[in-house]
């Protein structure tokens, strides 16, 4: 196994555990795209591993119980196949990133808007919509710049 494959495995695992509960492939891939946006933006020096490990501290919605999923499901397999595109920066990110006046505005944060469990997220993101506007909705997840 290569280090690159290890990181892609971490990315897929986090994205699936974070968003597969909402059904289909779109939400997990959108979460993966947010992490890719953070890497591109230079969070943690652009280190994928550090960005993935830090991701739980920046989410708006947490659940007490982990989501159980079946790795034999076709949707799960599709996520695994598409995670390469996110990692390499060639995925269609238009579901979470939007065109702005000065170019692409990347989604850097997300939550289930009716179930925000992080006080940090309430204050820092929802409390500052001027700097962190809502830019997309994918399934039950709302994305912010």
Protein backbone atom coordinates (compact mmCIF):
# COMPACT_ATOMS: atom_id res chain seq x y z
CA UNK A 1 0.00 0.00 0.00
CA UNK A 2 1.17 3.49 -0.73
CA UNK A 3 0.86 6.48 1.59
CA UNK A 4 -1.46 8.03 -1.00
CA UNK A 5 -3.82 5.04 -0.79
CA UNK A 6 -3.70 5.21 3.00
CA UNK A 7 -4.82 8.85 2.88
CA UNK A 8 -7.57 8.11 0.35
CA UNK A 9 -8.77 5.34 2.67
CA UNK A 10 -8.86 7.78 5.58
CA UNK A 11 -10.75 10.30 3.45
CA UNK A 12 -13.30 7.74 2.31
CA UNK A 13 -13.77 6.40 5.83
CA UNK A 14 -14.35 9.84 7.32
CA UNK A 15 -16.72 10.92 4.54
CA UNK A 16 -18.77 7.73 4.74
CA UNK A 17 -18.98 7.73 8.53
CA UNK A 18 -19.88 11.42 8.48
CA UNK A 19 -22.50 11.55 5.74
CA UNK A 20 -23.56 8.15 4.41
CA UNK A 21 -26.43 8.19 6.93
CA UNK A 22 -28.20 10.66 4.63
CA UNK A 23 -28.35 8.14 1.79
CA UNK A 24 -26.64 7.80 -1.54
CA UNK A 25 -23.25 9.00 -2.64
CA UNK A 26 -23.74 12.75 -2.88
CA UNK A 27 -23.41 13.68 0.80
CA UNK A 28 -20.25 11.66 1.54
CA UNK A 29 -18.60 12.94 -1.63
CA UNK A 30 -19.59 16.50 -0.71
CA UNK A 31 -17.96 16.07 2.72
CA UNK A 32 -14.84 14.67 1.03
CA UNK A 33 -14.82 17.73 -1.24
CA UNK A 34 -14.92 20.03 1.80
CA UNK A 35 -11.81 18.30 3.17
CA UNK A 36 -10.14 18.63 -0.24
CA UNK A 37 -11.03 22.35 -0.21
CA UNK A 38 -9.37 22.68 3.20
CA UNK A 39 -6.21 21.02 1.89
CA UNK A 40 -6.20 23.33 -1.13
CA UNK A 41 -6.75 26.33 1.17
CA UNK A 42 -3.62 25.34 3.10
CA UNK A 43 -5.20 24.20 6.34
CA UNK A 44 -2.57 22.35 8.41
CA UNK A 45 0.00 23.19 5.76
CA UNK A 46 -2.01 21.31 3.12
CA UNK A 47 -1.39 18.01 4.93
CA UNK A 48 -4.26 15.62 4.08
CA UNK A 49 -3.79 13.48 7.18
CA UNK A 50 -3.88 16.44 9.56
CA UNK A 51 -6.92 17.93 7.81
CA UNK A 52 -8.79 14.62 8.09
CA UNK A 53 -7.83 14.12 11.73
CA UNK A 54 -8.91 17.69 12.57
CA UNK A 55 -12.20 17.47 10.64
CA UNK A 56 -14.37 16.38 13.61
CA UNK A 57 -13.52 19.60 15.45
CA UNK A 58 -14.91 21.72 12.59
CA UNK A 59 -18.19 19.94 11.93
CA UNK A 60 -21.47 21.44 12.95
CA UNK A 61 -23.39 18.25 13.67
CA UNK A 62 -22.21 15.27 15.70
CA UNK A 63 -24.04 12.08 16.58
CA UNK A 64 -23.62 10.07 19.77
CA UNK A 65 -23.85 6.75 17.94
CA UNK A 66 -21.71 5.89 14.92
CA UNK A 67 -23.57 5.11 11.72
CA UNK A 68 -23.48 1.46 10.68
CA UNK A 69 -23.10 0.79 6.97
CA UNK A 70 -22.63 -2.19 4.70
CA UNK A 71 -19.46 -2.08 2.59
CA UNK A 72 -21.11 -4.44 0.10
CA UNK A 73 -23.72 -1.86 -0.94
CA UNK A 74 -23.32 -0.49 -4.44
CA UNK A 75 -23.52 3.13 -3.22
CA UNK A 76 -20.62 2.51 -0.83
CA UNK A 77 -18.58 0.98 -3.66
CA UNK A 78 -19.37 3.97 -5.85
CA UNK A 79 -18.02 6.34 -3.16
CA UNK A 80 -14.81 4.31 -3.01
CA UNK A 81 -14.47 4.57 -6.78
CA UNK A 82 -15.09 8.32 -6.84
CA UNK A 83 -12.89 9.28 -3.89
CA UNK A 84 -9.85 9.25 -6.22
CA UNK A 85 -11.35 12.10 -8.24
CA UNK A 86 -11.82 14.18 -5.08
CA UNK A 87 -8.29 13.43 -3.90
CA UNK A 88 -6.75 14.34 -7.26
CA UNK A 89 -8.85 17.50 -7.61
CA UNK A 90 -10.69 16.40 -10.74
CA UNK A 91 -14.12 15.72 -9.23
CA UNK A 92 -17.06 17.89 -10.24
CA UNK A 93 -17.32 20.05 -7.13
CA UNK A 94 -20.13 22.29 -8.36
CA UNK A 95 -22.56 20.78 -5.85
CA UNK A 96 -20.66 22.42 -2.94
CA UNK A 97 -18.40 25.07 -4.51
CA UNK A 98 -19.96 28.06 -6.28
CA UNK A 99 -18.81 30.65 -8.76
CA UNK A 100 -18.36 34.00 -7.06
CA UNK A 101 -17.33 37.47 -8.19
CA UNK A 102 -13.66 36.61 -7.64
CA UNK A 103 -13.71 33.00 -8.83
CA UNK A 104 -14.70 29.77 -7.14
CA UNK A 105 -15.96 30.06 -3.55
CA UNK A 106 -15.12 26.77 -1.82
CA UNK A 107 -17.24 25.16 0.86
CA UNK A 108 -15.15 24.78 4.01
CA UNK A 109 -17.81 23.95 6.62
CA UNK A 110 -21.04 21.96 6.80
CA UNK A 111 -23.80 20.94 9.19
CA UNK A 112 -27.31 19.59 9.38
CA UNK A 113 -28.90 22.99 9.85
CA UNK A 114 -31.79 21.81 12.02
CA UNK A 115 -29.41 19.82 14.26
CA UNK A 116 -26.32 21.91 15.02
CA UNK A 117 -24.61 20.33 18.03
CA UNK A 118 -21.37 22.32 18.13
CA UNK A 119 -21.35 25.58 20.05
CA UNK A 120 -18.15 26.57 18.22
CA UNK A 121 -19.97 26.13 14.91
CA UNK A 122 -22.95 28.19 16.10
CA UNK A 123 -20.73 31.09 17.12
CA UNK A 124 -17.96 30.98 14.51
CA UNK A 125 -19.84 29.96 11.37
CA UNK A 126 -23.58 30.57 11.86
CA UNK A 127 -22.80 33.68 13.90
CA UNK A 128 -20.65 35.12 11.10
CA UNK A 129 -22.59 34.57 7.88
CA UNK A 130 -20.93 37.61 6.34
CA UNK A 131 -17.61 35.76 6.25
CA UNK A 132 -19.13 32.28 6.04
CA UNK A 133 -22.20 32.53 3.78
CA UNK A 134 -24.36 29.53 2.99
CA UNK A 135 -23.41 28.42 -0.48
CA UNK A 136 -24.91 24.98 -1.03
CA UNK A 137 -27.25 22.27 0.18
CA UNK A 138 -26.67 18.60 -0.57
CA UNK A 139 -29.26 16.28 0.91
CA UNK A 140 -29.63 17.30 4.56
CA UNK A 141 -26.21 18.99 4.70
CA UNK A 142 -25.83 22.75 4.37
CA UNK A 143 -22.43 24.06 3.25
CA UNK A 144 -20.74 27.34 4.14
CA UNK A 145 -17.74 29.25 2.78
